[in-house]
Protein backbone atom coordinates (compact mmCIF):
# COMPACT_ATOMS: atom_id res chain seq x y z
CA MET A 1 -136.96 -197.79 47.90
CA PRO A 2 -133.38 -196.86 46.90
CA LEU A 3 -130.85 -195.46 49.32
CA THR A 4 -131.57 -191.77 49.80
CA ILE A 5 -129.04 -189.09 50.73
CA GLY A 6 -130.13 -185.69 51.95
CA LEU A 7 -127.46 -183.08 51.20
CA ASP A 8 -127.24 -179.70 52.92
CA PHE A 9 -124.50 -177.94 50.93
CA GLY A 10 -123.88 -174.85 53.04
CA THR A 11 -121.80 -171.73 52.67
CA SER A 12 -119.78 -172.56 55.78
CA ASN A 13 -120.48 -176.26 56.42
CA THR A 14 -121.88 -179.23 54.54
CA VAL A 15 -123.91 -182.07 56.07
CA ALA A 16 -125.23 -185.29 54.52
CA VAL A 17 -127.72 -187.78 55.97
CA SER A 18 -128.70 -191.17 54.53
CA ALA A 19 -132.10 -192.86 54.81
CA ASN A 20 -133.23 -196.39 54.02
CA GLY A 21 -136.76 -196.13 55.42
CA LEU A 22 -139.47 -193.67 56.35
CA SER A 23 -137.97 -192.94 59.78
CA ALA A 24 -134.47 -194.49 59.83
CA THR A 25 -131.80 -191.90 59.09
CA GLU A 26 -128.08 -191.81 59.76
CA PRO A 27 -125.71 -188.84 59.45
CA VAL A 28 -122.77 -189.36 57.11
CA SER A 29 -119.66 -189.21 59.32
CA PHE A 30 -116.15 -188.08 58.45
CA ALA A 31 -113.05 -189.27 60.27
CA ASP A 32 -109.82 -187.34 60.72
CA GLY A 33 -107.49 -189.40 62.89
CA ASN A 34 -109.30 -190.01 66.17
CA GLU A 35 -111.83 -187.27 65.52
CA THR A 36 -115.22 -188.06 63.96
CA PHE A 37 -117.66 -185.36 62.85
CA THR A 38 -120.84 -184.95 60.80
CA SER A 39 -120.43 -181.31 59.77
CA LEU A 40 -117.73 -180.72 57.15
CA ALA A 41 -116.30 -177.25 56.53
CA THR A 42 -117.17 -176.20 52.98
CA VAL A 43 -113.62 -175.35 52.00
CA LEU A 44 -111.62 -176.67 49.09
CA SER A 45 -107.92 -176.55 48.34
CA PHE A 46 -105.82 -177.59 45.37
CA LEU A 47 -102.18 -178.57 45.70
CA ASP A 48 -99.89 -177.72 42.81
CA ARG A 49 -98.27 -180.98 41.73
CA GLY A 50 -96.42 -179.62 38.73
CA PRO A 51 -97.32 -178.95 35.09
CA ALA A 52 -97.71 -182.62 34.19
CA LYS A 53 -100.34 -183.42 36.83
CA ARG A 54 -103.83 -182.17 37.58
CA PRO A 55 -104.03 -180.13 40.85
CA HIS A 56 -104.88 -182.37 43.78
CA PRO A 57 -108.02 -181.30 45.71
CA GLU A 58 -108.77 -181.61 49.41
CA VAL A 59 -111.74 -180.58 51.56
CA GLY A 60 -112.68 -179.67 55.13
CA PRO A 61 -109.91 -180.02 57.74
CA TRP A 62 -107.65 -181.74 55.22
CA ALA A 63 -107.90 -178.70 52.93
CA ILE A 64 -107.14 -176.38 55.83
CA ARG A 65 -104.12 -178.47 56.79
CA GLN A 66 -102.93 -178.54 53.19
CA PHE A 67 -103.33 -174.77 52.96
CA LEU A 68 -101.38 -174.13 56.16
CA GLU A 69 -98.56 -176.55 55.47
CA SER A 70 -97.88 -176.07 51.76
CA TYR A 71 -96.16 -172.66 51.83
CA GLY A 72 -97.78 -170.94 48.89
CA ASP A 73 -98.18 -173.78 46.38
CA VAL A 74 -101.85 -174.35 47.22
CA ARG A 75 -105.04 -172.61 46.11
CA PHE A 76 -107.66 -172.23 48.86
CA ILE A 77 -111.37 -171.68 48.15
CA GLN A 78 -114.16 -171.11 50.67
CA SER A 79 -117.78 -169.91 50.58
CA LEU A 80 -118.11 -171.70 47.24
CA LYS A 81 -121.91 -171.64 47.46
CA SER A 82 -121.92 -167.84 47.30
CA PHE A 83 -120.74 -168.04 43.66
CA ALA A 84 -123.40 -170.51 42.51
CA ALA A 85 -125.88 -167.92 41.21
CA SER A 86 -123.34 -165.42 39.90
CA GLY A 87 -123.30 -165.00 36.15
CA ALA A 88 -120.10 -162.99 36.55
CA PHE A 89 -118.30 -166.08 37.85
CA LYS A 90 -117.29 -167.93 34.72
CA GLY A 91 -114.74 -170.18 36.36
CA THR A 92 -111.20 -169.96 37.59
CA GLY A 93 -107.80 -171.20 36.51
CA ILE A 94 -105.99 -173.37 39.03
CA TYR A 95 -102.39 -174.17 38.14
CA GLY A 96 -103.10 -174.25 34.43
CA VAL A 97 -106.41 -176.12 34.66
CA ARG A 98 -109.76 -174.39 34.12
CA PHE A 99 -112.45 -175.12 36.72
CA GLY A 100 -116.06 -174.02 36.35
CA PHE A 101 -118.36 -173.81 39.37
CA GLU A 102 -119.67 -177.28 38.54
CA ASP A 103 -116.13 -178.71 38.55
CA LEU A 104 -115.35 -177.13 41.92
CA MET A 105 -118.58 -178.37 43.51
CA ALA A 106 -118.10 -181.87 42.10
CA ALA A 107 -114.49 -181.94 43.34
CA PHE A 108 -115.62 -180.93 46.84
CA LEU A 109 -118.37 -183.57 47.05
CA ARG A 110 -116.22 -186.34 45.55
CA CYS A 111 -113.51 -185.74 48.16
CA ALA A 112 -116.11 -185.43 50.93
CA PHE A 113 -117.63 -188.83 50.18
CA GLU A 114 -114.16 -190.35 49.92
CA HIS A 115 -113.30 -189.13 53.40
CA ALA A 116 -116.60 -190.47 54.68
CA GLY A 117 -115.72 -193.93 53.40
CA THR A 118 -119.22 -194.10 51.98
CA VAL A 119 -119.30 -196.68 49.20
CA PHE A 120 -122.33 -196.61 46.92
CA ASP A 121 -123.29 -196.50 43.27
CA PRO A 122 -124.48 -192.92 42.62
CA SER A 123 -126.71 -194.10 39.77
CA SER A 124 -128.74 -196.16 42.27
CA VAL A 125 -129.04 -193.41 44.91
CA ARG A 126 -131.71 -190.76 45.22
CA LEU A 127 -130.03 -187.45 46.06
CA VAL A 128 -132.24 -184.84 47.75
CA VAL A 129 -130.52 -181.47 47.81
CA GLY A 130 -131.45 -178.40 49.78
CA ARG A 131 -131.61 -175.09 47.99
CA PRO A 132 -132.07 -171.66 49.56
CA VAL A 133 -135.30 -169.80 49.01
CA ALA A 134 -133.11 -167.20 47.29
CA PHE A 135 -129.43 -167.49 46.49
CA ALA A 136 -126.90 -165.02 47.84
CA GLY A 137 -124.98 -162.46 45.85
CA TYR A 138 -125.62 -159.40 43.72
CA SER A 139 -128.41 -159.97 41.19
CA PRO A 140 -128.40 -163.77 41.70
CA ASP A 141 -129.63 -166.01 38.89
CA ASP A 142 -131.48 -168.89 40.56
CA ASP A 143 -131.92 -170.80 37.31
CA LEU A 144 -128.19 -170.63 36.67
CA ALA A 145 -127.44 -171.88 40.19
CA MET A 146 -129.81 -174.82 39.83
CA ALA A 147 -128.37 -175.75 36.44
CA ARG A 148 -124.87 -175.67 37.94
CA TYR A 149 -125.94 -177.79 40.89
CA ARG A 150 -127.51 -180.43 38.66
CA THR A 151 -124.48 -180.56 36.36
CA ALA A 152 -122.15 -181.00 39.35
CA PHE A 153 -124.19 -183.94 40.68
CA GLN A 154 -124.38 -185.53 37.25
CA LYS A 155 -120.59 -185.33 37.02
CA LEU A 156 -120.54 -187.57 40.09
CA GLY A 157 -122.93 -190.07 38.50
CA PHE A 158 -126.18 -189.16 40.26
CA GLU A 159 -129.26 -189.51 38.09
CA ASP A 160 -132.21 -189.30 40.53
CA ILE A 161 -131.82 -185.73 41.85
CA LEU A 162 -134.50 -183.80 43.74
CA PHE A 163 -134.34 -180.24 45.07
CA VAL A 164 -136.19 -179.11 48.19
CA MET A 165 -136.22 -175.71 49.90
CA GLU A 166 -133.75 -175.71 52.82
CA PRO A 167 -136.25 -174.34 55.39
CA VAL A 168 -138.70 -177.07 54.43
CA GLY A 169 -136.01 -179.64 55.13
CA ALA A 170 -135.09 -177.97 58.42
CA ALA A 171 -138.62 -178.07 59.82
CA PHE A 172 -139.86 -181.25 58.14
CA SER A 173 -139.25 -183.73 60.97
CA TYR A 174 -140.89 -181.35 63.42
CA ALA A 175 -143.80 -180.57 61.07
CA GLN A 176 -144.67 -184.27 60.76
CA SER A 177 -145.71 -184.28 64.42
CA LEU A 178 -148.04 -181.29 64.11
CA ASP A 179 -151.72 -181.98 64.73
CA LYS A 180 -153.02 -178.78 63.10
CA ASP A 181 -152.14 -176.29 60.40
CA THR A 182 -149.16 -174.22 61.57
CA THR A 183 -147.24 -171.14 60.49
CA ILE A 184 -143.56 -171.65 61.28
CA LEU A 185 -140.65 -169.25 61.35
CA VAL A 186 -137.50 -171.20 60.49
CA ALA A 187 -134.44 -169.36 61.84
CA ASP A 188 -131.30 -170.85 60.28
CA LEU A 189 -128.40 -169.42 62.27
CA GLY A 190 -125.18 -170.64 60.72
CA GLY A 191 -121.59 -169.47 60.50
CA GLY A 192 -121.77 -166.73 57.87
CA THR A 193 -125.44 -165.80 57.67
CA THR A 194 -128.72 -165.72 59.55
CA ASP A 195 -131.63 -166.73 57.31
CA TYR A 196 -135.32 -166.42 58.12
CA SER A 197 -138.02 -168.35 56.29
CA LEU A 198 -141.75 -168.25 56.93
CA MET A 199 -143.56 -171.50 56.10
CA ARG A 200 -147.17 -172.65 56.32
CA PHE A 201 -147.53 -176.39 56.97
CA GLU A 202 -151.01 -177.79 56.31
CA THR A 203 -152.60 -181.22 56.42
CA ARG A 204 -155.52 -182.10 54.14
CA GLY A 205 -156.86 -185.65 54.13
CA GLY A 206 -153.77 -186.88 55.92
CA HIS A 207 -151.52 -185.21 53.33
CA LEU A 208 -148.87 -182.80 54.66
CA SER A 209 -147.80 -179.86 52.49
CA ALA A 210 -145.68 -176.73 52.92
CA THR A 211 -146.10 -173.26 51.41
CA PRO A 212 -143.39 -170.56 51.61
CA LEU A 213 -144.73 -167.21 52.85
CA GLY A 214 -141.60 -165.07 52.94
CA ARG A 215 -137.89 -164.92 53.62
CA GLY A 216 -135.14 -162.58 54.76
CA GLY A 217 -131.87 -162.51 56.61
CA ILE A 218 -128.56 -160.82 57.20
CA GLY A 219 -124.86 -161.62 56.86
CA ILE A 220 -124.30 -161.87 60.61
CA ALA A 221 -123.95 -165.14 62.53
CA GLY A 222 -121.37 -167.28 64.30
CA ASP A 223 -118.30 -166.02 62.43
CA THR A 224 -119.16 -162.45 63.38
CA PHE A 225 -119.51 -163.47 67.03
CA ASP A 226 -116.06 -165.11 66.87
CA TYR A 227 -114.59 -161.88 65.57
CA ARG A 228 -116.10 -159.92 68.47
CA ILE A 229 -114.04 -162.05 70.87
CA ILE A 230 -110.92 -161.55 68.76
CA ASP A 231 -111.53 -157.81 68.48
CA ASN A 232 -112.00 -157.32 72.22
CA VAL A 233 -109.59 -159.89 73.67
CA VAL A 234 -106.88 -160.61 71.12
CA LEU A 235 -106.36 -157.57 68.90
CA PRO A 236 -105.46 -155.19 71.75
CA LYS A 237 -102.58 -157.62 72.49
CA LEU A 238 -101.51 -157.28 68.85
CA GLY A 239 -101.38 -153.51 68.81
CA LYS A 240 -104.87 -152.43 67.81
CA GLY A 241 -105.38 -148.94 69.20
CA SER A 242 -101.65 -148.43 69.79
CA MET A 243 -99.65 -145.52 68.39
CA TYR A 244 -96.57 -144.72 66.32
CA LYS A 245 -94.51 -141.59 65.63
CA SER A 246 -94.31 -139.99 62.22
CA MET A 247 -92.88 -136.56 61.31
CA GLY A 248 -93.22 -135.30 64.86
CA LYS A 249 -96.80 -136.54 65.24
CA VAL A 250 -98.19 -139.42 67.25
CA LEU A 251 -100.68 -141.40 65.14
CA GLU A 252 -102.77 -144.51 65.58
CA ILE A 253 -101.73 -147.73 63.84
CA PRO A 254 -104.12 -147.90 60.85
CA PRO A 255 -107.17 -149.91 62.03
CA ASN A 256 -107.66 -151.41 58.57
CA LEU A 257 -104.55 -153.56 59.14
CA PHE A 258 -106.50 -155.50 61.76
CA ALA A 259 -109.58 -156.04 59.58
CA ASN A 260 -107.95 -159.14 58.09
CA PHE A 261 -108.72 -160.98 61.33
CA ALA A 262 -112.40 -160.99 60.39
CA ARG A 263 -111.68 -164.08 58.23
CA TRP A 264 -108.78 -166.32 59.22
CA HIS A 265 -107.71 -167.21 55.67
CA MET A 266 -107.29 -163.52 54.85
CA LEU A 267 -104.21 -163.44 57.08
CA SER A 268 -102.37 -165.70 54.65
CA ILE A 269 -103.27 -163.34 51.82
CA PHE A 270 -102.26 -160.37 53.98
CA LYS A 271 -98.90 -162.07 54.54
CA THR A 272 -97.89 -161.39 50.92
CA SER A 273 -99.45 -157.91 50.70
CA ASP A 274 -97.85 -154.48 50.47
CA ASP A 275 -99.70 -153.51 53.67
CA PHE A 276 -97.83 -156.20 55.59
CA LYS A 277 -94.54 -154.97 54.20
CA GLU A 278 -95.41 -151.44 55.32
CA LEU A 279 -96.34 -152.71 58.78
CA LYS A 280 -92.89 -154.24 59.14
CA LYS A 281 -91.29 -150.93 58.13
CA LEU A 282 -93.51 -149.13 60.63
CA LEU A 283 -92.31 -151.31 63.50
CA ARG A 284 -89.30 -149.14 64.36
CA TRP A 285 -91.59 -146.14 65.01
CA CYS A 286 -94.19 -147.94 67.14
CA LEU A 287 -94.61 -146.91 70.77
CA GLU A 288 -95.45 -150.50 71.73
CA PRO A 289 -93.27 -152.48 69.29
CA GLU A 290 -93.60 -155.73 71.24
CA LYS A 291 -97.30 -155.88 70.31
CA ILE A 292 -96.70 -155.30 66.61
CA GLU A 293 -93.88 -157.86 66.68
CA LEU A 294 -96.38 -160.36 68.02
CA PHE A 295 -98.80 -159.43 65.23
CA ILE A 296 -96.06 -159.94 62.62
CA ASP A 297 -94.97 -163.28 64.11
CA LEU A 298 -98.55 -164.57 64.18
CA VAL A 299 -99.01 -163.75 60.48
CA ASP A 300 -95.57 -165.07 59.45
CA GLU A 301 -96.24 -168.35 61.25
CA ASP A 302 -99.74 -168.81 59.74
CA GLN A 303 -101.51 -168.92 63.08
CA GLY A 304 -104.82 -167.53 61.77
CA TYR A 305 -106.70 -170.82 61.69
CA PRO A 306 -105.44 -172.13 65.07
CA LEU A 307 -106.43 -168.78 66.59
CA TYR A 308 -109.95 -168.96 65.19
CA LYS A 309 -110.30 -172.56 66.30
CA SER A 310 -109.38 -171.60 69.87
CA VAL A 311 -111.78 -168.65 69.83
CA SER A 312 -114.61 -170.74 68.40
CA GLU A 313 -114.11 -173.37 71.09
CA THR A 314 -114.19 -170.66 73.76
CA LYS A 315 -117.44 -169.30 72.33
CA ALA A 316 -118.94 -172.79 72.34
CA ARG A 317 -118.09 -173.24 76.04
CA LEU A 318 -119.83 -169.96 76.81
CA SER A 319 -123.08 -171.58 75.71
CA SER A 320 -123.01 -173.73 78.84
CA GLN A 321 -120.69 -171.76 81.15
CA ASP A 322 -120.77 -168.26 82.62
CA GLU A 323 -117.06 -167.93 81.93
CA ALA A 324 -114.57 -169.65 79.64
CA GLU A 325 -110.81 -169.38 79.34
CA LEU A 326 -109.16 -168.42 76.07
CA ALA A 327 -105.58 -169.64 75.93
CA PHE A 328 -103.42 -169.38 72.82
CA ALA A 329 -99.73 -170.21 73.11
CA PRO A 330 -98.53 -168.20 70.05
CA LEU A 331 -99.66 -165.07 71.93
CA GLY A 332 -97.40 -166.07 74.84
CA ALA A 333 -97.21 -169.01 77.19
CA ASP A 334 -98.93 -166.95 79.85
CA PHE A 335 -101.72 -165.69 77.57
CA LYS A 336 -104.85 -166.90 79.33
CA VAL A 337 -107.90 -164.68 79.41
CA ALA A 338 -111.16 -165.43 81.21
CA VAL A 339 -114.00 -164.44 78.89
CA ALA A 340 -117.26 -163.78 80.74
CA ARG A 341 -120.53 -164.58 79.04
CA ARG A 342 -121.96 -161.21 80.11
CA ASP A 343 -119.08 -159.41 78.36
CA PHE A 344 -119.47 -161.55 75.25
CA GLU A 345 -123.17 -160.71 75.16
CA ASP A 346 -122.35 -157.01 75.43
CA TRP A 347 -119.95 -157.30 72.48
CA ILE A 348 -122.51 -159.00 70.24
CA ALA A 349 -125.48 -156.86 71.35
CA PRO A 350 -125.32 -154.57 68.25
CA ASP A 351 -125.20 -157.67 66.02
CA LEU A 352 -128.22 -159.16 67.78
CA GLN A 353 -130.10 -155.92 67.22
CA LYS A 354 -129.32 -156.03 63.50
CA MET A 355 -130.51 -159.65 63.36
CA ASP A 356 -133.73 -158.60 65.08
CA ASN A 357 -134.20 -155.72 62.64
CA ALA A 358 -133.80 -158.14 59.74
CA LEU A 359 -136.52 -160.31 61.29
CA ASP A 360 -138.79 -157.25 61.50
CA GLU A 361 -138.29 -156.68 57.79
CA THR A 362 -138.96 -160.35 57.00
CA LEU A 363 -142.27 -160.35 58.87
CA GLN A 364 -143.34 -157.03 57.38
CA SER A 365 -142.56 -158.10 53.82
CA ALA A 366 -144.72 -161.21 54.31
CA GLY A 367 -147.55 -159.19 55.84
CA LEU A 368 -147.34 -161.12 59.11
CA ALA A 369 -147.18 -160.08 62.74
CA GLU A 370 -145.56 -161.88 65.67
CA LYS A 371 -148.97 -163.18 66.77
CA ASP A 372 -149.35 -164.94 63.41
CA ILE A 373 -146.31 -167.16 64.08
CA ASP A 374 -147.37 -170.40 65.73
CA ARG A 375 -143.91 -171.92 66.11
CA VAL A 376 -140.29 -170.85 65.78
CA PHE A 377 -137.92 -173.59 64.66
CA MET A 378 -134.27 -172.75 65.30
CA THR A 379 -131.46 -174.56 63.51
CA GLY A 380 -127.74 -174.06 62.86
CA GLY A 381 -124.81 -173.94 65.25
CA THR A 382 -125.35 -170.30 66.29
CA SER A 383 -128.78 -171.21 67.66
CA PHE A 384 -126.92 -172.64 70.69
CA VAL A 385 -125.77 -169.16 71.78
CA PRO A 386 -127.87 -168.35 74.88
CA ALA A 387 -128.30 -164.67 73.98
CA VAL A 388 -129.69 -165.65 70.58
CA ARG A 389 -132.17 -168.14 72.05
CA ARG A 390 -133.19 -165.62 74.69
CA GLN A 391 -133.86 -162.98 72.05
CA PHE A 392 -136.27 -165.27 70.24
CA ALA A 393 -137.89 -166.43 73.49
CA ASP A 394 -138.41 -162.84 74.65
CA ARG A 395 -140.04 -161.99 71.35
CA PHE A 396 -142.20 -165.05 70.72
CA GLY A 397 -142.41 -166.75 74.13
CA HIS A 398 -140.61 -169.89 75.30
CA GLU A 399 -143.63 -172.04 74.47
CA ARG A 400 -143.35 -171.29 70.76
CA ILE A 401 -139.61 -172.06 70.45
CA SER A 402 -138.62 -175.46 69.05
CA GLY A 403 -135.44 -177.04 67.75
CA GLY A 404 -133.47 -180.25 67.68
CA ASN A 405 -130.61 -181.74 65.68
CA GLU A 406 -129.55 -178.15 65.03
CA LEU A 407 -126.52 -179.15 62.95
CA THR A 408 -128.19 -181.87 60.87
CA SER A 409 -131.88 -180.93 60.75
CA VAL A 410 -131.87 -179.70 57.15
CA ALA A 411 -130.12 -182.80 55.73
CA ASN A 412 -132.19 -185.09 57.95
CA GLY A 413 -135.44 -183.58 56.69
CA LEU A 414 -134.27 -183.81 53.09
CA ALA A 415 -133.47 -187.51 53.49
CA LEU A 416 -136.89 -188.19 55.03
CA ILE A 417 -138.64 -186.36 52.21
CA GLY A 418 -136.70 -188.43 49.68
CA VAL A 419 -138.12 -191.75 50.92
CA ARG A 420 -141.73 -190.58 50.82
CA GLU A 421 -144.06 -191.74 48.07
CA ASP A 422 -145.02 -188.12 47.48
CA ALA A 423 -141.42 -186.89 47.45
CA ALA A 424 -141.89 -185.23 44.06
CA GLU A 425 -144.60 -183.00 45.52
CA TRP A 426 -142.09 -181.46 47.95
CA THR A 427 -139.58 -180.57 45.28
CA VAL A 428 -138.92 -177.39 43.35
CA SER A 429 -138.03 -177.33 39.67
CA ALA A 430 -134.44 -176.96 38.60
């Protein structure tokens, strides 16, 4: 059996797991200085090296660092997966070089494996790739996305390529231990989206199979929760809700100026915008100019990513603590705010309700009721949020909730499928 790699190419993060046997798997690790991690941010940057040289790509934290330190001569791309099924996306020019989707995906994966230090001959490796039940975007073309995926992997030298539904990969390890036919709700709660998949796992004559029953979801997950902390704790310190004088009237600072904080990289784009120039002109008329000055300094100094990193770490601590401190020096040496879990849960309550409504729609479209769900398998980093887990437990009962290896379960299941003799039976055409 050849070396098998299960690849979960996600919108926000990418994970790979290798397998050499039916049960022996190992996550592919990436090292950045003293830090080692198995989940790599799906971001890509290209450094302009001049007209005579091809733009130099970087990925994950190296791409973020390159983006923050290169002062405008770098092209930053994130959420690459969201363009896979778009016929409108024909490619993009990067410093005089044309890149199609396949070129961008291949560049990302090539750099990722280089940073992992993983040495192998792609032509001798079986690559098992997760694909969503339905791709994102307006009027997505699944056949186009699959053709682009395959071309990207072939550019890297892979020849033995299999595609498996992501929810099948997520629940596969768990499903192998089932002793009866089971209907499973796979809740994949990531950074950008919450995806629901309904699967029926059945065993006939010792042969395990999976049948998709329905899917749904919503564009709310961990990134949205991060923004709720920023909106309630940080943005008031930066002037959101404050006022300015104009022609004898007292008016509110336009709220749309603060919307750029919803995605950290948008602050760098905002930095060169006309809106930012207008904000600087508005400063002299502000009733609380010190707050707007802080806003301007934060943008000028490219502090968007460090801010989001601090907020995300605070959110993670709230999964195990009733209160966590958010400290961020660029907002002032004395800026330290205790964020209570109960307040955080109040802030995300409307988002949780929307996620629950999306689950209602998913069940209804599949013609299933809550009583028809035997097990709920939760995966993805946002599944660690206590309020999220509690919402599922309240709805389905603690006894039906399962999980494990939340960050690597999809890739791990894909790798295990790839080493099976019946691997081809778990695949979808591409």
